Amino acid sequence: MSNIQLDGTHTPAKRGGQGVDYQGRKKCKTSNLLIITDSRGTPITCSHVIAGNHNDAHELCKHMQLMLKNIQASGIEVKGLFLNADAGFDSSAFRIYCQQNDIVCNIASNARNKCNNDYLFDDRLYRHRFVIERTNAWLDGFKALLVRFETNPVHWRNLVLLSFLIILLRQL
């Protein structure tokens, strides 16, 4: 595996519960998960449930650390991986974190950031990000995940992990 894709997904939570808060952009209460896929769009890991009132970069280094531990526990080496992410993940702290873990960032620069944007960016590698968008569309095909009715975040995350397994089995 040479590259991974990172993206977040906000899911409306109709019955409330833990890990739920109001997301102005969605105009409802939501939960958020960060998802990492391989270059084929196969989900590898996801974060724990994050309250929806935060953007994708909220406590990103902490969530990424847990996701990298999951990847390494599977026997996958993370050093030298190329990470594609959209502009929502563009932060100096995250770039430094990836550099410390020998992960090469290919993150679109965010125009709202006032930090130095002299980072290398490869358009051709970034075009491969569509696979995580396709994976998010596959996840939307699971009606139990399209809207969160589970009030316990562990139950909802486990449903997401089950959908990851089904996606993997379909690809095999």
N, C-alpha and C. Protein backbone atom coordinates (compact mmCIF):
# COMPACT_ATOMS: atom_id res chain seq x y z
N MET A 1 0.85 -1.17 0.00
CA MET A 1 0.00 0.00 0.00
C MET A 1 0.90 1.23 0.00
N SER A 2 0.65 2.11 -0.92
CA SER A 2 1.51 3.30 -1.02
C SER A 2 0.79 4.59 -0.65
N ASN A 3 -0.53 4.63 -0.83
CA ASN A 3 -1.22 5.86 -0.45
C ASN A 3 -2.54 5.55 0.22
N ILE A 4 -2.94 6.50 1.07
CA ILE A 4 -4.20 6.39 1.79
C ILE A 4 -4.98 7.69 1.59
N GLN A 5 -6.27 7.59 1.74
CA GLN A 5 -7.17 8.73 1.57
C GLN A 5 -7.85 8.99 2.91
N LEU A 6 -7.99 10.26 3.27
CA LEU A 6 -8.62 10.65 4.53
C LEU A 6 -9.78 11.58 4.23
N ASP A 7 -10.92 11.32 4.86
CA ASP A 7 -12.07 12.19 4.71
C ASP A 7 -12.97 12.03 5.92
N GLY A 8 -13.86 12.96 6.12
CA GLY A 8 -14.82 12.91 7.21
C GLY A 8 -16.23 12.79 6.66
N THR A 9 -17.12 12.29 7.48
CA THR A 9 -18.51 12.16 7.07
C THR A 9 -19.42 12.60 8.23
N HIS A 10 -20.26 13.58 7.97
CA HIS A 10 -21.24 14.03 8.96
C HIS A 10 -22.56 13.31 8.69
N THR A 11 -23.11 12.71 9.73
CA THR A 11 -24.34 11.95 9.60
C THR A 11 -25.41 12.55 10.51
N PRO A 12 -26.58 12.88 9.99
CA PRO A 12 -27.65 13.39 10.85
C PRO A 12 -28.03 12.37 11.91
N ALA A 13 -28.22 12.85 13.13
CA ALA A 13 -28.59 11.97 14.26
C ALA A 13 -29.97 12.40 14.75
N LYS A 14 -30.99 11.67 14.36
CA LYS A 14 -32.37 12.07 14.64
C LYS A 14 -32.81 11.85 16.07
N ARG A 15 -32.21 10.86 16.76
CA ARG A 15 -32.66 10.56 18.12
C ARG A 15 -31.70 11.09 19.17
N GLY A 16 -30.70 11.86 18.76
CA GLY A 16 -29.74 12.42 19.72
C GLY A 16 -28.80 11.35 20.24
N GLY A 17 -28.35 11.51 21.46
CA GLY A 17 -27.44 10.56 22.07
C GLY A 17 -26.07 11.17 22.29
N GLN A 18 -25.12 10.31 22.64
CA GLN A 18 -23.76 10.78 22.87
C GLN A 18 -23.05 10.99 21.54
N GLY A 19 -22.13 11.94 21.52
CA GLY A 19 -21.38 12.22 20.30
C GLY A 19 -22.22 12.92 19.25
N VAL A 20 -23.21 13.67 19.68
CA VAL A 20 -24.12 14.36 18.75
C VAL A 20 -24.15 15.84 19.14
N ASP A 21 -24.10 16.71 18.14
CA ASP A 21 -24.25 18.14 18.38
C ASP A 21 -24.69 18.82 17.09
N TYR A 22 -25.15 20.05 17.22
CA TYR A 22 -25.73 20.77 16.07
C TYR A 22 -24.66 21.18 15.07
N GLN A 23 -24.90 20.89 13.80
CA GLN A 23 -24.01 21.27 12.69
C GLN A 23 -24.78 22.27 11.84
N GLY A 24 -24.34 23.52 11.85
CA GLY A 24 -25.03 24.58 11.13
C GLY A 24 -25.12 24.33 9.64
N ARG A 25 -24.07 23.76 9.06
CA ARG A 25 -24.06 23.50 7.61
C ARG A 25 -25.13 22.49 7.22
N LYS A 26 -25.39 21.51 8.08
CA LYS A 26 -26.41 20.49 7.81
C LYS A 26 -27.78 20.87 8.38
N LYS A 27 -27.80 21.90 9.22
CA LYS A 27 -29.03 22.39 9.86
C LYS A 27 -29.73 21.31 10.69
N CYS A 28 -28.92 20.47 11.35
CA CYS A 28 -29.46 19.45 12.24
C CYS A 28 -28.34 18.96 13.15
N LYS A 29 -28.70 18.11 14.10
CA LYS A 29 -27.69 17.49 14.95
C LYS A 29 -27.03 16.37 14.17
N THR A 30 -25.69 16.31 14.25
CA THR A 30 -24.94 15.30 13.49
C THR A 30 -23.85 14.67 14.34
N SER A 31 -23.34 13.57 13.82
CA SER A 31 -22.14 12.92 14.33
C SER A 31 -21.15 12.85 13.18
N ASN A 32 -19.89 12.83 13.51
CA ASN A 32 -18.85 12.82 12.49
C ASN A 32 -17.92 11.63 12.72
N LEU A 33 -17.46 11.04 11.64
CA LEU A 33 -16.43 10.01 11.67
C LEU A 33 -15.37 10.39 10.64
N LEU A 34 -14.12 10.17 10.97
CA LEU A 34 -13.04 10.30 10.01
C LEU A 34 -12.75 8.91 9.48
N ILE A 35 -12.59 8.80 8.18
CA ILE A 35 -12.40 7.49 7.54
C ILE A 35 -11.11 7.51 6.74
N ILE A 36 -10.36 6.41 6.82
CA ILE A 36 -9.17 6.23 5.99
C ILE A 36 -9.41 5.03 5.09
N THR A 37 -9.14 5.21 3.79
CA THR A 37 -9.25 4.11 2.84
C THR A 37 -7.91 3.92 2.14
N ASP A 38 -7.77 2.77 1.49
CA ASP A 38 -6.58 2.54 0.68
C ASP A 38 -6.80 3.13 -0.71
N SER A 39 -5.90 2.85 -1.62
CA SER A 39 -5.98 3.46 -2.95
C SER A 39 -7.12 2.90 -3.80
N ARG A 40 -7.75 1.80 -3.37
CA ARG A 40 -8.89 1.24 -4.08
C ARG A 40 -10.23 1.66 -3.48
N GLY A 41 -10.17 2.39 -2.36
CA GLY A 41 -11.40 2.80 -1.70
C GLY A 41 -11.86 1.85 -0.63
N THR A 42 -11.07 0.83 -0.33
CA THR A 42 -11.41 -0.11 0.73
C THR A 42 -11.18 0.57 2.07
N PRO A 43 -12.21 0.67 2.90
CA PRO A 43 -12.04 1.30 4.21
C PRO A 43 -11.06 0.51 5.06
N ILE A 44 -10.12 1.21 5.67
CA ILE A 44 -9.13 0.56 6.52
C ILE A 44 -9.45 0.78 7.99
N THR A 45 -9.78 2.01 8.34
CA THR A 45 -10.09 2.32 9.73
C THR A 45 -10.94 3.59 9.79
N CYS A 46 -11.50 3.82 10.96
CA CYS A 46 -12.23 5.06 11.19
C CYS A 46 -11.98 5.54 12.61
N SER A 47 -12.26 6.79 12.84
CA SER A 47 -12.09 7.36 14.17
C SER A 47 -13.24 6.94 15.07
N HIS A 48 -13.16 7.35 16.30
CA HIS A 48 -14.32 7.21 17.18
C HIS A 48 -15.32 8.30 16.81
N VAL A 49 -16.52 8.21 17.31
CA VAL A 49 -17.57 9.16 16.98
C VAL A 49 -17.22 10.54 17.54
N ILE A 50 -17.36 11.56 16.69
CA ILE A 50 -17.05 12.94 17.05
C ILE A 50 -18.35 13.74 16.96
N ALA A 51 -18.59 14.59 17.93
CA ALA A 51 -19.79 15.43 17.89
C ALA A 51 -19.76 16.30 16.64
N GLY A 52 -20.91 16.47 16.03
CA GLY A 52 -21.01 17.13 14.73
C GLY A 52 -20.81 18.62 14.71
N ASN A 53 -20.65 19.27 15.88
CA ASN A 53 -20.48 20.72 15.87
C ASN A 53 -19.04 21.13 15.56
N HIS A 54 -18.17 20.16 15.28
CA HIS A 54 -16.77 20.44 14.98
C HIS A 54 -16.48 20.15 13.51
N ASN A 55 -15.47 20.84 12.99
CA ASN A 55 -15.05 20.54 11.63
C ASN A 55 -14.17 19.29 11.63
N ASP A 56 -13.78 18.85 10.45
CA ASP A 56 -13.00 17.62 10.35
C ASP A 56 -11.64 17.72 11.01
N ALA A 57 -11.08 18.91 11.11
CA ALA A 57 -9.74 19.07 11.67
C ALA A 57 -9.72 19.20 13.19
N HIS A 58 -10.87 19.14 13.84
CA HIS A 58 -10.93 19.26 15.30
C HIS A 58 -10.25 18.05 15.94
N GLU A 59 -9.23 18.32 16.76
CA GLU A 59 -8.45 17.27 17.44
C GLU A 59 -7.99 16.19 16.46
N LEU A 60 -7.64 16.62 15.28
CA LEU A 60 -7.28 15.69 14.20
C LEU A 60 -6.08 14.82 14.56
N CYS A 61 -5.07 15.40 15.17
CA CYS A 61 -3.86 14.62 15.51
C CYS A 61 -4.19 13.50 16.48
N LYS A 62 -5.07 13.78 17.45
CA LYS A 62 -5.47 12.75 18.42
C LYS A 62 -6.22 11.61 17.72
N HIS A 63 -7.14 11.95 16.84
CA HIS A 63 -7.90 10.93 16.13
C HIS A 63 -7.01 10.16 15.17
N MET A 64 -6.10 10.87 14.52
CA MET A 64 -5.20 10.22 13.57
C MET A 64 -4.28 9.23 14.28
N GLN A 65 -3.85 9.59 15.49
CA GLN A 65 -2.98 8.70 16.26
C GLN A 65 -3.68 7.36 16.53
N LEU A 66 -4.94 7.42 16.92
CA LEU A 66 -5.70 6.19 17.17
C LEU A 66 -5.91 5.39 15.89
N MET A 67 -6.18 6.08 14.78
CA MET A 67 -6.39 5.38 13.52
C MET A 67 -5.09 4.74 13.03
N LEU A 68 -3.96 5.43 13.21
CA LEU A 68 -2.68 4.84 12.80
C LEU A 68 -2.33 3.62 13.64
N LYS A 69 -2.69 3.65 14.94
CA LYS A 69 -2.49 2.46 15.78
C LYS A 69 -3.29 1.29 15.25
N ASN A 70 -4.52 1.53 14.82
CA ASN A 70 -5.35 0.47 14.23
C ASN A 70 -4.71 -0.09 12.97
N ILE A 71 -4.18 0.79 12.14
CA ILE A 71 -3.55 0.35 10.89
C ILE A 71 -2.32 -0.49 11.18
N GLN A 72 -1.49 -0.02 12.12
CA GLN A 72 -0.28 -0.76 12.47
C GLN A 72 -0.60 -2.09 13.12
N ALA A 73 -1.69 -2.15 13.89
CA ALA A 73 -2.09 -3.41 14.51
C ALA A 73 -2.49 -4.44 13.46
N SER A 74 -2.86 -3.98 12.27
CA SER A 74 -3.21 -4.88 11.17
C SER A 74 -1.99 -5.34 10.40
N GLY A 75 -0.80 -4.88 10.80
CA GLY A 75 0.41 -5.28 10.13
C GLY A 75 0.77 -4.43 8.92
N ILE A 76 0.14 -3.27 8.80
CA ILE A 76 0.41 -2.38 7.68
C ILE A 76 1.40 -1.31 8.16
N GLU A 77 2.47 -1.14 7.42
CA GLU A 77 3.48 -0.12 7.75
C GLU A 77 2.98 1.25 7.30
N VAL A 78 3.05 2.23 8.19
CA VAL A 78 2.56 3.57 7.87
C VAL A 78 3.68 4.51 7.42
N LYS A 79 4.91 4.16 7.73
CA LYS A 79 6.02 5.02 7.32
C LYS A 79 6.15 5.04 5.81
N GLY A 80 6.21 6.23 5.25
CA GLY A 80 6.36 6.38 3.82
C GLY A 80 5.06 6.42 3.04
N LEU A 81 3.93 6.32 3.73
CA LEU A 81 2.64 6.41 3.03
C LEU A 81 2.40 7.83 2.54
N PHE A 82 1.70 7.94 1.42
CA PHE A 82 1.23 9.23 0.93
C PHE A 82 -0.21 9.38 1.38
N LEU A 83 -0.54 10.51 1.99
CA LEU A 83 -1.89 10.74 2.51
C LEU A 83 -2.53 11.85 1.70
N ASN A 84 -3.65 11.54 1.07
CA ASN A 84 -4.46 12.52 0.34
C ASN A 84 -5.58 12.99 1.24
N ALA A 85 -5.79 14.28 1.31
CA ALA A 85 -6.90 14.83 2.07
C ALA A 85 -7.32 16.16 1.45
N ASP A 86 -8.58 16.53 1.66
CA ASP A 86 -9.05 17.79 1.10
C ASP A 86 -8.64 18.97 1.97
N ALA A 87 -9.01 20.16 1.57
CA ALA A 87 -8.57 21.39 2.23
C ALA A 87 -9.07 21.50 3.67
N GLY A 88 -10.09 20.77 4.04
CA GLY A 88 -10.58 20.81 5.42
C GLY A 88 -9.57 20.27 6.42
N PHE A 89 -8.59 19.54 5.96
CA PHE A 89 -7.58 18.96 6.84
C PHE A 89 -6.27 19.74 6.82
N ASP A 90 -6.26 20.86 6.13
CA ASP A 90 -5.04 21.66 6.00
C ASP A 90 -4.79 22.46 7.27
N SER A 91 -3.88 21.96 8.08
CA SER A 91 -3.46 22.70 9.28
C SER A 91 -1.98 22.41 9.51
N SER A 92 -1.30 23.37 10.07
CA SER A 92 0.13 23.20 10.33
C SER A 92 0.37 22.08 11.32
N ALA A 93 -0.46 22.00 12.35
CA ALA A 93 -0.28 20.95 13.37
C ALA A 93 -0.41 19.56 12.76
N PHE A 94 -1.36 19.38 11.85
CA PHE A 94 -1.55 18.07 11.24
C PHE A 94 -0.40 17.74 10.29
N ARG A 95 0.06 18.72 9.55
CA ARG A 95 1.20 18.49 8.66
C ARG A 95 2.44 18.10 9.46
N ILE A 96 2.67 18.76 10.58
CA ILE A 96 3.81 18.42 11.44
C ILE A 96 3.65 17.03 12.01
N TYR A 97 2.43 16.69 12.44
CA TYR A 97 2.17 15.35 12.97
C TYR A 97 2.48 14.28 11.93
N CYS A 98 2.04 14.49 10.72
CA CYS A 98 2.31 13.51 9.65
C CYS A 98 3.80 13.42 9.37
N GLN A 99 4.47 14.53 9.37
CA GLN A 99 5.91 14.53 9.12
C GLN A 99 6.64 13.75 10.22
N GLN A 100 6.21 13.90 11.46
CA GLN A 100 6.82 13.18 12.58
C GLN A 100 6.61 11.67 12.46
N ASN A 101 5.53 11.27 11.78
CA ASN A 101 5.23 9.85 11.60
C ASN A 101 5.65 9.33 10.23
N ASP A 102 6.48 10.11 9.52
CA ASP A 102 6.99 9.74 8.20
C ASP A 102 5.89 9.47 7.19
N ILE A 103 4.83 10.26 7.26
CA ILE A 103 3.74 10.19 6.30
C ILE A 103 3.83 11.44 5.43
N VAL A 104 3.77 11.24 4.12
CA VAL A 104 3.88 12.36 3.18
C VAL A 104 2.48 12.90 2.90
N CYS A 105 2.26 14.16 3.27
CA CYS A 105 0.94 14.78 3.09
C CYS A 105 0.78 15.31 1.67
N ASN A 106 -0.37 15.06 1.11
CA ASN A 106 -0.78 15.67 -0.15
C ASN A 106 -2.16 16.28 0.12
N ILE A 107 -2.15 17.42 0.79
CA ILE A 107 -3.37 18.05 1.26
C ILE A 107 -3.58 19.34 0.47
N ALA A 108 -4.77 19.49 -0.07
CA ALA A 108 -5.10 20.73 -0.78
C ALA A 108 -5.02 21.88 0.20
N SER A 109 -4.47 23.00 -0.24
CA SER A 109 -4.34 24.13 0.67
C SER A 109 -5.68 24.83 0.85
N ASN A 110 -5.91 25.25 2.07
CA ASN A 110 -7.15 25.93 2.44
C ASN A 110 -6.92 27.43 2.35
N ALA A 111 -7.70 28.11 1.56
CA ALA A 111 -7.53 29.55 1.36
C ALA A 111 -7.75 30.33 2.65
N ARG A 112 -8.50 29.77 3.59
CA ARG A 112 -8.76 30.48 4.85
C ARG A 112 -7.58 30.43 5.81
N ASN A 113 -6.65 29.50 5.58
CA ASN A 113 -5.48 29.43 6.46
C ASN A 113 -4.53 30.56 6.17
N LYS A 114 -4.00 31.12 7.23
CA LYS A 114 -3.04 32.20 7.07
C LYS A 114 -1.62 31.68 7.24
N CYS A 115 -1.46 30.36 7.23
CA CYS A 115 -0.13 29.77 7.40
C CYS A 115 0.59 29.70 6.06
N ASN A 116 1.81 29.32 6.12
CA ASN A 116 2.65 29.21 4.93
C ASN A 116 2.13 28.08 4.05
N ASN A 117 1.84 28.38 2.79
CA ASN A 117 1.32 27.37 1.87
C ASN A 117 2.37 26.92 0.86
N ASP A 118 3.63 26.87 1.29
CA ASP A 118 4.71 26.45 0.41
C ASP A 118 4.94 24.94 0.48
N TYR A 119 3.89 24.17 0.59
CA TYR A 119 3.99 22.72 0.68
C TYR A 119 3.90 22.13 -0.71
N LEU A 120 4.55 21.00 -0.87
CA LEU A 120 4.44 20.29 -2.14
C LEU A 120 3.03 19.74 -2.28
N PHE A 121 2.50 19.82 -3.47
CA PHE A 121 1.17 19.30 -3.74
C PHE A 121 1.18 18.66 -5.12
N ASP A 122 0.76 17.41 -5.20
CA ASP A 122 0.76 16.67 -6.46
C ASP A 122 -0.68 16.50 -6.94
N ASP A 123 -1.02 17.21 -8.02
CA ASP A 123 -2.38 17.13 -8.58
C ASP A 123 -2.73 15.72 -9.04
N ARG A 124 -1.78 15.04 -9.64
CA ARG A 124 -2.05 13.69 -10.17
C ARG A 124 -2.36 12.72 -9.05
N LEU A 125 -1.64 12.82 -7.94
CA LEU A 125 -1.92 11.96 -6.79
C LEU A 125 -3.26 12.35 -6.16
N TYR A 126 -3.55 13.65 -6.12
CA TYR A 126 -4.79 14.13 -5.50
C TYR A 126 -6.02 13.65 -6.25
N ARG A 127 -5.90 13.42 -7.54
CA ARG A 127 -7.04 12.93 -8.32
C ARG A 127 -7.53 11.57 -7.84
N HIS A 128 -6.66 10.83 -7.16
CA HIS A 128 -7.04 9.51 -6.65
C HIS A 128 -7.96 9.60 -5.42
N ARG A 129 -8.20 10.83 -4.94
CA ARG A 129 -9.07 11.02 -3.78
C ARG A 129 -10.52 10.62 -4.06
N PHE A 130 -10.88 10.52 -5.32
CA PHE A 130 -12.27 10.19 -5.64
C PHE A 130 -12.68 8.86 -5.02
N VAL A 131 -11.72 7.97 -4.75
CA VAL A 131 -12.08 6.66 -4.21
C VAL A 131 -12.70 6.77 -2.83
N ILE A 132 -12.26 7.73 -2.01
CA ILE A 132 -12.88 7.87 -0.69
C ILE A 132 -14.26 8.50 -0.81
N GLU A 133 -14.45 9.36 -1.80
CA GLU A 133 -15.79 9.91 -2.03
C GLU A 133 -16.74 8.80 -2.49
N ARG A 134 -16.22 7.89 -3.30
CA ARG A 134 -17.01 6.73 -3.73
C ARG A 134 -17.34 5.84 -2.52
N THR A 135 -16.38 5.67 -1.62
CA THR A 135 -16.62 4.87 -0.42
C THR A 135 -17.69 5.52 0.44
N ASN A 136 -17.64 6.84 0.57
CA ASN A 136 -18.69 7.54 1.33
C ASN A 136 -20.05 7.34 0.67
N ALA A 137 -20.10 7.31 -0.65
CA ALA A 137 -21.36 7.04 -1.35
C ALA A 137 -21.82 5.61 -1.08
N TRP A 138 -20.88 4.65 -1.04
CA TRP A 138 -21.24 3.27 -0.71
C TRP A 138 -21.82 3.20 0.71
N LEU A 139 -21.20 3.94 1.64
CA LEU A 139 -21.72 3.95 3.01
C LEU A 139 -23.13 4.52 3.06
N ASP A 140 -23.41 5.51 2.21
CA ASP A 140 -24.76 6.07 2.17
C ASP A 140 -25.77 5.05 1.65
N GLY A 141 -25.32 4.01 0.99
CA GLY A 141 -26.20 2.96 0.51
C GLY A 141 -26.73 2.08 1.63
N PHE A 142 -26.07 2.12 2.79
CA PHE A 142 -26.55 1.37 3.95
C PHE A 142 -27.52 2.26 4.70
N LYS A 143 -28.79 1.98 4.57
CA LYS A 143 -29.83 2.86 5.10
C LYS A 143 -29.73 3.04 6.61
N ALA A 144 -29.20 2.04 7.32
CA ALA A 144 -29.05 2.16 8.77
C ALA A 144 -27.96 3.17 9.13
N LEU A 145 -27.12 3.54 8.16
CA LEU A 145 -26.04 4.49 8.41
C LEU A 145 -26.32 5.87 7.85
N LEU A 146 -27.25 5.95 6.92
CA LEU A 146 -27.53 7.23 6.26
C LEU A 146 -28.02 8.26 7.26
N VAL A 147 -28.83 7.83 8.21
CA VAL A 147 -29.30 8.66 9.32
C VAL A 147 -29.02 7.86 10.59
N ARG A 148 -28.40 8.50 11.55
CA ARG A 148 -28.05 7.80 12.80
C ARG A 148 -29.26 7.78 13.73
N PHE A 149 -29.77 6.58 13.98
CA PHE A 149 -30.84 6.41 14.95
C PHE A 149 -30.32 5.80 16.24
N GLU A 150 -29.11 5.27 16.22
CA GLU A 150 -28.50 4.69 17.41
C GLU A 150 -28.10 5.82 18.36
N THR A 151 -28.47 5.72 19.63
CA THR A 151 -28.09 6.76 20.59
C THR A 151 -26.73 6.48 21.21
N ASN A 152 -26.31 5.24 21.21
CA ASN A 152 -25.01 4.87 21.75
C ASN A 152 -23.97 4.95 20.62
N PRO A 153 -22.93 5.77 20.79
CA PRO A 153 -21.95 5.93 19.70
C PRO A 153 -21.19 4.64 19.39
N VAL A 154 -21.00 3.79 20.35
CA VAL A 154 -20.29 2.52 20.11
C VAL A 154 -21.10 1.63 19.18
N HIS A 155 -22.42 1.58 19.38
CA HIS A 155 -23.27 0.78 18.51
C HIS A 155 -23.25 1.30 17.08
N TRP A 156 -23.32 2.63 16.94
CA TRP A 156 -23.32 3.23 15.60
C TRP A 156 -21.98 2.99 14.91
N ARG A 157 -20.88 3.16 15.62
CA ARG A 157 -19.55 2.93 15.03
C ARG A 157 -19.40 1.47 14.61
N ASN A 158 -19.93 0.56 15.41
CA ASN A 158 -19.86 -0.86 15.05
C ASN A 158 -20.66 -1.17 13.80
N LEU A 159 -21.78 -0.47 13.61
CA LEU A 159 -22.53 -0.63 12.36
C LEU A 159 -21.69 -0.15 11.17
N VAL A 160 -20.97 0.95 11.37
CA VAL A 160 -20.09 1.45 10.31
C VAL A 160 -19.00 0.42 10.01
N LEU A 161 -18.42 -0.17 11.05
CA LEU A 161 -17.38 -1.19 10.85
C LEU A 161 -17.93 -2.41 10.12
N LEU A 162 -19.18 -2.77 10.41
CA LEU A 162 -19.82 -3.88 9.67
C LEU A 162 -19.97 -3.53 8.20
N SER A 163 -20.32 -2.29 7.92
CA SER A 163 -20.43 -1.88 6.51
C SER A 163 -19.06 -1.91 5.83
N PHE A 164 -18.00 -1.58 6.57
CA PHE A 164 -16.64 -1.69 6.03
C PHE A 164 -16.36 -3.12 5.61
N LEU A 165 -16.76 -4.06 6.44
CA LEU A 165 -16.55 -5.48 6.14
C LEU A 165 -17.31 -5.89 4.88
N ILE A 166 -18.54 -5.43 4.75
CA ILE A 166 -19.34 -5.77 3.56
C ILE A 166 -18.69 -5.17 2.31
N ILE A 167 -18.21 -3.94 2.40
CA ILE A 167 -17.53 -3.32 1.26
C ILE A 167 -16.29 -4.11 0.88
N LEU A 168 -15.53 -4.55 1.88
CA LEU A 168 -14.33 -5.35 1.61
C LEU A 168 -14.70 -6.67 0.94
N LEU A 169 -15.74 -7.33 1.43
CA LEU A 169 -16.16 -8.61 0.83
C LEU A 169 -16.63 -8.42 -0.60
N ARG A 170 -17.30 -7.32 -0.89
CA ARG A 170 -17.73 -7.05 -2.26
C ARG A 170 -16.55 -6.86 -3.19
N GLN A 171 -15.48 -6.25 -2.68
CA GLN A 171 -14.30 -6.01 -3.52
C GLN A 171 -13.47 -7.26 -3.74
N LEU A 172 -13.57 -8.20 -2.81
CA LEU A 172 -12.83 -9.44 -2.98
C LEU A 172 -13.55 -10.35 -3.95
